[in-house]
Structure formats: C-alpha cells, structure tokens
Amino acid sequence: MKIIILGAGQVGGSLAQNLVKEASDITLVDTDAERLRELQDRYDIRTICGRASHPSVLRQAGAEDADMLIAVTNSDEVNMVACQVAYSVFHTPTKIARVRSREYLAGGGIFRDDAMPVDHIVNPEEIVTHDIKRLIDNPGALQVMDFAGGQVKLVGLRIELDSPLVNQEVSALRSIADGVDARVAAIFRRDRPMIPEGKTVLEARDEVFLIAAAADIPHLMSALRKSERPNKRVVIAGGGHIGENLARQLEHRYGVRVIEQDRNRCFNLSETLERSIVLNGNASNRELLIEESIEDTDVFCAITNDDEANIMSSMLAKSLGARRVITLINNPAYVDLIEGQDIDIAISPQLATLGAILTHIRRGDVVRVHSLRRGAAEAIEAIAHGDHQSSKVIGKSLGELNLPSGTNVGALIRKDEVMIAHDNIVVEPDDHFVLFLVDKTRIKDVEALFQAPVSFF
C-alpha cells in the first residue's frame, strides 16, 4: 500500500514508524527539513519538504498513484485543503484528516465529496476524552478498550502484591473471578510480551490484558482488585477542550472540580457546565490543592497543554494524597520515565490517535484497532466474511486456525452473543474476532487470514 503522510510531528512520526515495520510504501511531507532528515535516517523512508496542501508538493510525493493520504499537520485547514486537492486533482481513494476544531465538526455535515471530501476524521481531543472516561469508570485499570460496539472490553491492569492472581496459573482465572468467563489475552513481564498458556504462572508486577463481556467487567475488576473502591471524586486540572468535555461527561456520575488558570475561561466553563465546580487557580499550587481536600480525591487528571505543568501538578497531587493520577503527556520520551512511579497512568494523544488511524489502514475486514503498550502491540477487531469454502477461518474451530506466531484470539462476538475464546468454538459467517498481536511484523498475515473473498463484494 502506498501511503502519503502529511505532517512529521509526533503523530506523523509514530505513524511512519509503525507502518514502515509492516513494509508499506511511505512518503512523509513536512516543512521542517531537519525533522524530515531525522526521521529519514531513523526509519529509511522517503521524505518531501514543502507545504502539505500544495498540488505540486503532493505530486512530488506521488499522490497520482497513492492509495491513501493521511493529513496530520498541526493545522485543521491545511489538513482539509490537502484532502480536497487529493480528491479533486489526484483522485486519491482514501483520505484521512486530523480535525480538532469543534466548529468544523459541528458545521452541518461539511465533510462530504461535494463539499470537503474527507473520508475519515480523527479528533484527538475526543479520543483522549473517551479514554480517560473509561479509566475513571473502571477503577484500577491501566487501559480500557471497547470492541463490537461496546459489547466486549479489553482491560489492562497491573498485578499488585496483594492480588489474588499472584503465583496463580492462568487457567485459575475463572475460579478466582467468581465464575466470570474471561480470558488473559496477553502478559507483559518486565516490558516483554508473553502469549499466555493455561499453565503460565502470573507474577507480581505483571501487566495483564483481560477480555470479557462488557457487562462482566465490573464484577471481574472487583474480584481481582478487592481493595479498589469505586471512584467518586474527580479533580480535573485544565479547562481546555478536553477538560470541558471530560467534565461534561463525568459531572452527572461523579463529584467534579475543574481547576483553570485563565479567569475568563473559568467564567465560560461555569456557564456551560451544569454540576461541576470551577476553580480559578494553578493546579501546581500546594495551598489550593490542600484547601480543596486533595487527599480525598479518587482521581486527579492533569490535562493542560503543558507537559511539564501536568507532570508537576500530578506529582504534587499524588504526594498530597490523591489516590490515582492520570497525566496527559504529549512528549512520548517522558512517558516511560514517569508512568508507574508517582504517576499512575500517562495518556499519550499521539498513540490514541494512532490507533484510530490504523483502523482505516488495516486490510482484511479489520474494523477496529487499539494501540497497546505505547505502540508495542495491537488489539484488533476483524470480521469473518464469506463461507467455509472461500474463507480461511469460517467452518473451522478456533483450535484449528493457523494463527501467526504472537497472535491470540480473545473473544468471538456472534450477533448479541459474546463468547470468550475456547478451542472448540466453530467460526460462522459474520463473527467478529478480537485478536491480540504482540508481534506486529505479522500483521499482514493476520490481515490475509481475514481477507474477504472477491465474491463477497
């Protein structure tokens, strides 16, 4: 597949890194020549220096025979115009644009071929808001992912010393979880991935990914983390778009306080939010946090645009007694340094956006992709199309499937029925698979396995 990426920032660079591993034909376009040289030396990709929306630059990048254009520059307008040029001049089949402004997204359906021809829109703020909300709704989780329209959830959690899973075999999960049918999809031990087997023994500090029906997740989490109490009180540091949207989604279920430095922004928030308490101040102010009883806070979310401010306010809140802190980090170099120490969870907008974009890149009837462990692995949802003669999976039991190494089936969804993967389940047409891949070099093999036959179309 020939792909042109417009924008060599964190998202564009991460995309290039992930797609090069899969042997795609990648061209990266940006106005920053030094950044392009750095990425070219690191990943051996083709680069073009110039304005991403200019027809001459797109022609130089090979837009005439490109399969896909992904516009992820820092400008909504450049991204949209680039898609327009790709559609009108080069007839590019698939166009993806990162669009942040709510004005465009709520603009009365402007994204259509006879207006602004963008096939898929990616909104980082919306993705991050949903990710944080899922974490707050599931106390103790490190990552929560939805599949099959929310019927299935994949939850990552760290096994603590007092966990009932410590020194237990994977096969004991159901009895430990009070009969909940769940599956350990993958294990990360000392940052190394493991595909679990029934006799695999779990250790303290392992990071495990569990899959179960969405309705069973609360029961599963309470059984595995008995000491984890429900979240009730949330403090949000930062009243920007993410902070406002998050407060609006949480305020009817939790006690929410929003701390914002800009006084005028505080007045706007107080008018648009219904139940949230809006405070004018600096979230790194010790006296303010103490005054607001930070020690009684269940979740402290630092989600300003300033990484350093987010890190400092999160570390201060944790030291003053906040039970759990979630921190928005734009610079991926910081994530590995801080996560799991004073900061419980670091959220990367770039990686969240990456998963949304990969969903539209994957072939073989892949309908959803979640990037895990900062891009080291993927969880994907794929659909089995065809019949037992034309499909490589239909009519076979899960135990008979020739899955690539490093790939594990977590669950099967058949209409409204969620079936946790067992070897004797026979695949039927239109079944949805949830698969976990720890070896991303085998993604093409997985895509080929679920490639719909030509007759299906």
Protein backbone atom coordinates (compact mmCIF):
# COMPACT_ATOMS: atom_id res chain seq x y z
CA MET A 1 0.00 0.00 0.00
CA LYS A 2 1.32 3.43 -0.96
CA ILE A 3 0.62 5.98 1.77
CA ILE A 4 1.43 9.70 1.97
CA ILE A 5 1.63 11.16 5.48
CA LEU A 6 1.31 14.93 5.74
CA GLY A 7 2.90 16.26 8.92
CA ALA A 8 6.05 14.95 10.60
CA GLY A 9 5.08 15.77 14.17
CA GLN A 10 4.59 13.20 16.93
CA VAL A 11 1.58 11.57 15.24
CA GLY A 12 3.11 11.58 11.75
CA GLY A 13 6.41 10.22 13.07
CA SER A 14 4.66 7.48 15.06
CA LEU A 15 2.61 6.51 12.02
CA ALA A 16 5.71 6.30 9.84
CA GLN A 17 7.49 4.18 12.45
CA ASN A 18 4.58 1.72 12.73
CA LEU A 19 3.86 1.44 9.02
CA VAL A 20 7.49 1.02 7.96
CA LYS A 21 7.65 -2.09 10.15
CA GLU A 22 4.87 -3.50 8.00
CA ALA A 23 6.70 -2.79 4.72
CA SER A 24 4.27 -0.15 3.45
CA ASP A 25 5.46 2.37 0.84
CA ILE A 26 5.60 5.56 2.96
CA THR A 27 6.26 9.16 1.94
CA LEU A 28 6.38 11.84 4.65
CA VAL A 29 5.75 15.53 3.89
CA ASP A 30 6.56 18.48 6.15
CA THR A 31 8.02 21.99 6.06
CA ASP A 32 10.66 21.14 8.69
CA ALA A 33 13.66 19.83 6.74
CA GLU A 34 15.65 18.96 9.87
CA ARG A 35 12.81 16.89 11.31
CA LEU A 36 12.43 15.07 7.99
CA ARG A 37 16.17 14.24 7.88
CA GLU A 38 15.96 12.86 11.40
CA LEU A 39 13.02 10.58 10.52
CA GLN A 40 14.54 9.56 7.20
CA ASP A 41 17.78 8.49 8.87
CA ARG A 42 15.90 6.61 11.57
CA TYR A 43 13.29 4.78 9.51
CA ASP A 44 14.64 4.82 5.93
CA ILE A 45 11.53 6.44 4.44
CA ARG A 46 11.02 8.85 1.55
CA THR A 47 10.53 12.49 2.58
CA ILE A 48 9.42 15.66 0.79
CA CYS A 49 9.97 19.16 2.20
CA GLY A 50 7.15 21.57 1.34
CA ARG A 51 3.62 22.80 2.10
CA ALA A 52 1.39 19.78 2.52
CA SER A 53 -1.64 21.31 0.77
CA HIS A 54 0.19 22.48 -2.39
CA PRO A 55 -0.62 20.39 -5.50
CA SER A 56 2.99 20.50 -6.68
CA VAL A 57 4.23 19.10 -3.37
CA LEU A 58 1.59 16.34 -3.38
CA ARG A 59 2.53 15.46 -6.97
CA GLN A 60 6.17 15.25 -5.94
CA ALA A 61 5.15 12.97 -3.07
CA GLY A 62 3.48 10.60 -5.54
CA ALA A 63 -0.18 11.48 -5.00
CA GLU A 64 -1.05 10.42 -8.56
CA ASP A 65 -0.84 6.74 -7.64
CA ALA A 66 -1.17 6.85 -3.84
CA ASP A 67 -3.68 4.55 -2.15
CA MET A 68 -4.14 6.75 0.88
CA LEU A 69 -3.41 10.24 2.15
CA ILE A 70 -3.21 10.90 5.90
CA ALA A 71 -3.18 14.58 6.83
CA VAL A 72 -2.00 15.08 10.41
CA THR A 73 -0.34 18.50 10.34
CA ASN A 74 -0.97 20.93 13.20
CA SER A 75 -3.44 22.92 11.06
CA ASP A 76 -7.03 21.75 10.53
CA GLU A 77 -7.26 23.97 7.49
CA VAL A 78 -4.11 22.55 5.84
CA ASN A 79 -5.34 19.01 6.52
CA MET A 80 -8.74 19.69 4.96
CA VAL A 81 -7.39 21.54 1.91
CA ALA A 82 -4.85 18.77 1.30
CA CYS A 83 -7.71 16.23 1.22
CA GLN A 84 -9.62 18.49 -1.17
CA VAL A 85 -6.62 18.70 -3.52
CA ALA A 86 -6.01 14.95 -3.29
CA TYR A 87 -9.66 14.31 -4.22
CA SER A 88 -10.03 16.92 -6.99
CA VAL A 89 -6.61 16.71 -8.65
CA PHE A 90 -5.27 13.22 -7.93
CA HIS A 91 -8.44 11.19 -7.20
CA THR A 92 -6.82 9.61 -4.13
CA PRO A 93 -9.11 6.74 -2.98
CA THR A 94 -8.86 7.23 0.79
CA LYS A 95 -8.29 10.48 2.67
CA ILE A 96 -7.92 10.79 6.44
CA ALA A 97 -7.65 14.14 8.23
CA ARG A 98 -6.96 15.13 11.81
CA VAL A 99 -9.50 17.83 12.68
CA ARG A 100 -9.53 19.36 16.15
CA SER A 101 -11.93 22.31 15.90
CA ARG A 102 -15.45 21.59 17.12
CA GLU A 103 -16.68 24.34 14.82
CA TYR A 104 -15.80 22.26 11.77
CA LEU A 105 -17.08 19.03 13.29
CA ALA A 106 -20.42 20.61 14.18
CA GLY A 107 -20.58 22.52 10.90
CA GLY A 108 -23.67 20.86 9.46
CA GLY A 109 -22.13 17.95 7.59
CA ILE A 110 -19.46 19.72 5.54
CA PHE A 111 -17.37 16.55 5.21
CA ARG A 112 -18.75 15.03 2.01
CA ASP A 113 -17.46 14.65 -1.54
CA ASP A 114 -19.32 17.66 -2.93
CA ALA A 115 -18.03 19.92 -0.13
CA MET A 116 -14.96 18.88 1.90
CA PRO A 117 -14.02 15.36 0.70
CA VAL A 118 -12.57 13.75 3.82
CA ASP A 119 -13.33 10.04 4.16
CA HIS A 120 -12.37 9.64 7.81
CA ILE A 121 -11.97 12.31 10.50
CA VAL A 122 -9.76 11.81 13.54
CA ASN A 123 -10.32 14.11 16.52
CA PRO A 124 -7.55 13.59 19.14
CA GLU A 125 -9.36 15.52 21.88
CA GLU A 126 -12.46 13.37 21.57
CA ILE A 127 -10.42 10.15 21.58
CA VAL A 128 -8.44 11.19 24.68
CA THR A 129 -11.63 12.26 26.50
CA HIS A 130 -13.22 8.83 25.93
CA ASP A 131 -10.02 7.05 27.00
CA ILE A 132 -9.84 8.95 30.29
CA LYS A 133 -13.55 8.47 30.98
CA ARG A 134 -13.21 4.70 30.53
CA LEU A 135 -10.30 4.67 33.00
CA ILE A 136 -12.33 6.58 35.60
CA ASP A 137 -15.32 4.29 35.08
CA ASN A 138 -13.09 1.24 35.66
CA PRO A 139 -11.01 1.84 38.84
CA GLY A 140 -7.64 0.09 38.81
CA ALA A 141 -7.44 -0.29 35.01
CA LEU A 142 -4.37 0.90 33.10
CA GLN A 143 -6.12 0.81 29.73
CA VAL A 144 -9.70 0.04 28.67
CA MET A 145 -10.71 -0.72 25.09
CA ASP A 146 -14.15 -1.29 23.54
CA PHE A 147 -14.96 -3.75 20.76
CA ALA A 148 -18.07 -4.80 18.84
CA GLY A 149 -19.98 -1.63 19.62
CA GLY A 150 -19.15 -1.84 23.33
CA GLN A 151 -20.22 -5.47 23.82
CA VAL A 152 -16.67 -6.55 24.73
CA LYS A 153 -13.95 -4.82 26.72
CA LEU A 154 -10.23 -5.49 26.90
CA VAL A 155 -8.81 -4.23 30.20
CA GLY A 156 -5.16 -3.87 31.15
CA LEU A 157 -4.17 -3.99 34.81
CA ARG A 158 -1.03 -4.43 36.87
CA ILE A 159 -0.92 -7.34 39.30
CA GLU A 160 -0.10 -5.99 42.75
CA LEU A 161 1.49 -8.00 45.57
CA ASP A 162 -1.87 -8.45 47.33
CA SER A 163 -3.71 -9.55 44.17
CA PRO A 164 -5.40 -12.98 44.21
CA LEU A 165 -3.73 -13.61 40.84
CA VAL A 166 -0.18 -13.62 42.23
CA ASN A 167 1.51 -17.03 41.75
CA GLN A 168 -1.64 -18.47 40.17
CA GLU A 169 -1.88 -20.23 36.83
CA VAL A 170 -3.79 -18.51 34.04
CA SER A 171 -6.24 -21.43 33.98
CA ALA A 172 -7.34 -20.47 37.51
CA LEU A 173 -8.71 -17.10 36.39
CA ARG A 174 -12.36 -18.16 36.19
CA SER A 175 -12.45 -19.59 39.71
CA ILE A 176 -10.62 -16.55 41.12
CA ALA A 177 -13.03 -14.21 39.28
CA ASP A 178 -16.09 -15.84 40.90
CA GLY A 179 -17.13 -17.66 37.72
CA VAL A 180 -16.85 -14.75 35.28
CA ASP A 181 -15.92 -16.11 31.86
CA ALA A 182 -12.81 -14.10 30.99
CA ARG A 183 -9.51 -14.73 29.27
CA VAL A 184 -5.97 -13.47 29.73
CA ALA A 185 -5.19 -12.21 26.23
CA ALA A 186 -1.57 -11.23 26.87
CA ILE A 187 1.00 -10.65 29.59
CA PHE A 188 3.82 -8.12 29.73
CA ARG A 189 6.53 -9.13 32.19
CA ARG A 190 9.42 -6.70 32.68
CA ASP A 191 8.27 -4.99 29.46
CA ARG A 192 8.48 -8.20 27.45
CA PRO A 193 5.33 -9.67 25.84
CA MET A 194 4.12 -13.20 26.54
CA ILE A 195 1.29 -15.12 24.89
CA PRO A 196 -0.25 -16.92 27.90
CA GLU A 197 -1.00 -20.62 28.18
CA GLY A 198 -3.13 -22.36 30.77
CA LYS A 199 -0.12 -23.30 32.91
CA THR A 200 1.54 -19.86 32.73
CA VAL A 201 2.08 -18.61 36.30
CA LEU A 202 1.30 -14.94 36.92
CA GLU A 203 3.73 -12.84 38.94
CA ALA A 204 3.51 -9.62 40.91
CA ARG A 205 4.07 -6.52 38.71
CA ASP A 206 2.95 -8.39 35.59
CA GLU A 207 0.81 -6.25 33.32
CA VAL A 208 -2.06 -8.41 32.06
CA PHE A 209 -4.76 -7.76 29.48
CA LEU A 210 -8.08 -9.40 30.28
CA ILE A 211 -11.01 -9.73 27.89
CA ALA A 212 -14.63 -10.26 28.90
CA ALA A 213 -18.17 -9.21 28.03
CA ALA A 214 -18.67 -5.55 28.94
CA ALA A 215 -21.40 -6.44 31.44
CA ASP A 216 -18.96 -8.73 33.31
CA ILE A 217 -16.09 -6.24 33.59
CA PRO A 218 -17.21 -4.53 36.86
CA HIS A 219 -17.60 -7.92 38.56
CA LEU A 220 -14.26 -9.09 37.15
CA MET A 221 -12.41 -5.99 38.33
CA SER A 222 -13.92 -6.09 41.82
CA ALA A 223 -12.94 -9.77 42.16
CA LEU A 224 -9.35 -9.17 41.07
CA ARG A 225 -8.84 -5.87 42.89
CA LYS A 226 -10.86 -6.31 46.07
CA SER A 227 -9.15 -3.36 47.77
CA GLU A 228 -10.06 -0.93 44.95
CA ARG A 229 -13.00 1.25 45.95
CA PRO A 230 -15.28 2.98 43.39
CA ASN A 231 -14.34 6.44 42.20
CA LYS A 232 -16.49 9.28 43.49
CA ARG A 233 -14.46 12.49 43.46
CA VAL A 234 -12.55 13.72 40.40
CA VAL A 235 -10.33 16.80 40.04
CA ILE A 236 -9.52 17.99 36.51
CA ALA A 237 -6.50 20.28 36.11
CA GLY A 238 -7.03 22.16 32.86
CA GLY A 239 -10.23 23.63 31.47
CA GLY A 240 -9.44 23.41 27.75
CA HIS A 241 -11.47 21.41 25.24
CA ILE A 242 -10.53 18.06 26.79
CA GLY A 243 -11.14 19.29 30.34
CA GLU A 244 -14.53 20.76 29.45
CA ASN A 245 -15.68 17.68 27.53
CA LEU A 246 -14.46 15.34 30.25
CA ALA A 247 -16.20 17.34 32.99
CA ARG A 248 -19.44 17.36 31.00
CA GLN A 249 -19.36 13.57 30.59
CA LEU A 250 -18.49 12.91 34.25
CA GLU A 251 -20.42 15.52 36.23
CA HIS A 252 -23.69 13.57 36.48
CA ARG A 253 -21.97 10.50 37.97
CA TYR A 254 -19.08 11.95 39.99
CA GLY A 255 -18.25 14.98 42.07
CA VAL A 256 -16.14 17.02 39.62
CA ARG A 257 -13.90 20.02 40.23
CA VAL A 258 -12.13 21.81 37.37
CA ILE A 259 -9.03 23.94 38.06
CA GLU A 260 -8.29 26.53 35.36
CA GLN A 261 -5.79 29.41 35.41
CA ASP A 262 -7.50 31.69 32.88
CA ARG A 263 -10.19 33.71 34.64
CA ASN A 264 -12.29 34.34 31.51
CA ARG A 265 -12.17 30.66 30.64
CA CYS A 266 -13.44 29.90 34.17
CA PHE A 267 -16.49 32.11 33.58
CA ASN A 268 -17.20 30.28 30.30
CA LEU A 269 -16.86 26.89 31.97
CA SER A 270 -19.15 27.86 34.83
CA GLU A 271 -21.84 28.76 32.28
CA THR A 272 -21.53 25.63 30.13
CA LEU A 273 -21.07 23.01 32.89
CA GLU A 274 -24.09 22.07 34.99
CA ARG A 275 -22.82 20.43 38.17
CA SER A 276 -19.03 20.78 38.07
CA ILE A 277 -17.33 23.24 40.43
CA VAL A 278 -14.93 25.52 38.54
CA LEU A 279 -11.93 26.94 40.41
CA ASN A 280 -9.68 29.74 39.19
CA GLY A 281 -6.09 28.92 40.10
CA ASN A 282 -2.90 26.99 39.40
CA ALA A 283 -3.10 23.22 39.84
CA SER A 284 0.54 23.25 41.00
CA ASN A 285 -0.39 25.49 43.94
CA ARG A 286 0.05 23.39 47.07
CA GLU A 287 -2.22 25.56 49.18
CA LEU A 288 -5.04 25.36 46.61
CA LEU A 289 -4.87 21.57 46.46
CA ILE A 290 -4.83 21.27 50.25
CA GLU A 291 -7.75 23.70 50.52
CA GLU A 292 -9.72 21.54 48.07
CA SER A 293 -9.02 18.38 50.15
CA ILE A 294 -6.88 16.70 47.54
CA GLU A 295 -6.30 13.80 49.96
CA ASP A 296 -9.97 12.83 49.47
CA THR A 297 -9.69 12.84 45.68
CA ASP A 298 -10.08 9.50 43.92
CA VAL A 299 -8.75 10.61 40.52
CA PHE A 300 -6.64 13.67 39.67
CA CYS A 301 -6.45 14.35 35.90
CA ALA A 302 -3.80 16.77 34.65
CA ILE A 303 -4.78 17.57 31.05
CA THR A 304 -3.39 21.01 30.18
CA ASN A 305 -1.34 21.61 27.02
CA ASP A 306 1.88 21.86 29.05
CA ASP A 307 3.62 18.52 29.73
CA GLU A 308 5.83 19.91 32.49
CA ALA A 309 2.88 21.55 34.26
CA ASN A 310 0.91 18.30 34.02
CA ILE A 311 3.77 16.26 35.46
CA MET A 312 4.47 18.66 38.33
CA SER A 313 0.81 19.08 39.35
CA SER A 314 0.28 15.29 39.17
CA MET A 315 3.33 14.54 41.33
CA LEU A 316 2.23 17.19 43.84
CA ALA A 317 -1.33 15.84 43.96
CA LYS A 318 -0.03 12.29 44.47
CA SER A 319 2.31 13.39 47.27
CA LEU A 320 -0.61 15.15 48.99
CA GLY A 321 -2.75 12.02 48.97
CA ALA A 322 -4.67 11.79 45.68
CA ARG A 323 -5.44 8.11 45.24
CA ARG A 324 -4.81 7.94 41.49
CA VAL A 325 -3.35 10.40 38.99
CA ILE A 326 -3.82 10.42 35.20
CA THR A 327 -1.50 12.70 33.24
CA LEU A 328 -1.67 13.88 29.65
CA ILE A 329 1.82 13.70 28.09
CA ASN A 330 2.47 14.91 24.54
CA ASN A 331 6.18 14.11 24.52
CA PRO A 332 6.48 10.30 24.30
CA ALA A 333 10.03 10.44 25.71
CA TYR A 334 8.52 11.37 29.08
CA VAL A 335 6.04 8.50 29.25
CA ASP A 336 8.46 5.66 30.02
CA LEU A 337 10.25 7.81 32.61
CA ILE A 338 7.24 8.66 34.76
CA GLU A 339 4.48 6.07 34.32
CA GLY A 340 4.09 3.62 37.18
CA GLN A 341 6.09 5.73 39.65
CA ASP A 342 4.47 8.82 41.12
CA ILE A 343 2.14 8.98 38.13
CA ASP A 344 -0.23 6.04 37.72
CA ILE A 345 -1.25 6.44 34.07
CA ALA A 346 0.25 8.58 31.32
CA ILE A 347 -2.05 9.30 28.39
CA SER A 348 -0.45 9.95 25.00
CA PRO A 349 -2.70 11.75 22.48
CA GLN A 350 -0.38 10.62 19.70
CA LEU A 351 -0.80 6.91 20.47
CA ALA A 352 -4.55 7.31 20.96
CA THR A 353 -4.77 8.98 17.55
CA LEU A 354 -2.52 6.32 16.03
CA GLY A 355 -5.00 3.54 16.89
CA ALA A 356 -7.87 5.44 15.28
CA ILE A 357 -5.89 5.96 12.07
CA LEU A 358 -4.64 2.35 11.93
CA THR A 359 -8.27 1.20 11.95
CA HIS A 360 -8.68 2.72 8.49
CA ILE A 361 -5.34 1.40 7.21
CA ARG A 362 -5.70 -2.24 8.18
CA ARG A 363 -6.93 -4.60 5.49
CA GLY A 364 -8.76 -7.91 5.72
CA ASP A 365 -12.04 -6.61 7.21
CA VAL A 366 -10.33 -5.14 10.26
CA VAL A 367 -12.87 -2.73 11.77
CA ARG A 368 -11.16 -1.53 14.94
CA VAL A 369 -7.57 -1.16 16.13
CA HIS A 370 -6.26 -0.21 19.57
CA SER A 371 -2.58 0.52 20.05
CA LEU A 372 -1.27 -1.01 23.29
CA ARG A 373 1.81 -0.62 25.41
CA ARG A 374 2.76 2.63 23.64
CA GLY A 375 2.55 1.02 20.21
CA ALA A 376 4.39 -2.20 21.07
CA ALA A 377 1.30 -4.34 20.46
CA GLU A 378 -2.16 -4.13 18.93
CA ALA A 379 -5.64 -5.33 19.75
CA ILE A 380 -7.79 -5.59 16.64
CA GLU A 381 -11.36 -6.48 15.75
CA ALA A 382 -11.83 -8.38 12.50
CA ILE A 383 -14.90 -9.84 10.79
CA ALA A 384 -15.11 -13.28 9.18
CA HIS A 385 -16.78 -12.83 5.76
CA GLY A 386 -17.60 -15.45 3.14
CA ASP A 387 -18.36 -19.14 3.66
CA HIS A 388 -16.50 -22.32 4.60
CA GLN A 389 -15.15 -22.64 1.03
CA SER A 390 -13.98 -19.07 0.40
CA SER A 391 -12.87 -18.08 3.91
CA LYS A 392 -9.73 -19.24 5.71
CA VAL A 393 -11.48 -19.19 9.09
CA ILE A 394 -15.20 -19.96 8.62
CA GLY A 395 -16.17 -23.55 9.41
CA LYS A 396 -13.05 -24.15 11.48
CA SER A 397 -12.77 -24.33 15.23
CA LEU A 398 -10.57 -21.77 16.95
CA GLY A 399 -8.14 -24.56 17.82
CA GLU A 400 -7.74 -25.37 14.10
CA LEU A 401 -6.91 -21.82 12.98
CA ASN A 402 -3.42 -21.29 11.63
CA LEU A 403 -2.73 -18.08 13.55
CA PRO A 404 0.60 -16.28 13.07
CA SER A 405 3.03 -16.54 15.98
CA GLY A 406 2.48 -13.87 18.59
CA THR A 407 -1.27 -13.77 17.88
CA ASN A 408 -4.01 -14.74 20.30
CA VAL A 409 -7.82 -14.80 19.92
CA GLY A 410 -9.50 -13.29 22.96
CA ALA A 411 -13.19 -13.44 22.12
CA LEU A 412 -15.76 -14.05 19.40
CA ILE A 413 -18.91 -11.95 19.05
CA ARG A 414 -21.85 -13.51 17.20
CA LYS A 415 -24.68 -11.00 16.86
CA ASP A 416 -25.51 -10.16 20.50
CA GLU A 417 -23.65 -13.14 22.00
CA VAL A 418 -20.16 -12.74 23.46
CA MET A 419 -18.10 -15.94 23.51
CA ILE A 420 -14.76 -15.94 25.29
CA ALA A 421 -12.34 -17.86 23.07
CA HIS A 422 -12.14 -21.64 23.58
CA ASP A 423 -10.59 -24.10 21.12
CA ASN A 424 -13.88 -25.92 20.37
CA ILE A 425 -15.83 -22.84 19.14
CA VAL A 426 -16.57 -23.15 15.40
CA VAL A 427 -16.39 -19.91 13.38
CA GLU A 428 -19.52 -18.82 11.50
CA PRO A 429 -20.03 -16.10 8.84
CA ASP A 430 -20.03 -12.53 10.19
CA ASP A 431 -18.45 -13.49 13.51
CA HIS A 432 -16.38 -10.68 15.00
CA PHE A 433 -12.96 -11.67 16.33
CA VAL A 434 -10.99 -9.75 18.95
CA LEU A 435 -7.31 -10.59 18.50
CA PHE A 436 -4.21 -9.53 20.38
CA LEU A 437 -0.92 -9.16 18.47
CA VAL A 438 2.38 -8.85 20.30
CA ASP A 439 4.40 -9.39 17.11
CA LYS A 440 3.37 -6.55 14.79
CA THR A 441 5.58 -7.81 11.99
CA ARG A 442 2.92 -10.50 11.45
CA ILE A 443 0.04 -8.05 10.91
CA LYS A 444 -0.06 -8.76 7.15
CA ASP A 445 -0.55 -12.47 7.89
CA VAL A 446 -3.49 -11.63 10.15
CA GLU A 447 -4.98 -9.32 7.50
CA ALA A 448 -4.65 -12.06 4.90
CA LEU A 449 -6.39 -14.52 7.20
CA PHE A 450 -9.47 -12.29 7.32
CA GLN A 451 -9.37 -11.03 3.72
CA ALA A 452 -12.92 -11.20 2.36
CA PRO A 453 -13.28 -13.19 -0.88
CA VAL A 454 -13.88 -11.18 -4.06
CA SER A 455 -17.32 -12.76 -4.38
CA PHE A 456 -18.34 -11.10 -1.11
CA PHE A 457 -18.27 -7.70 -2.79
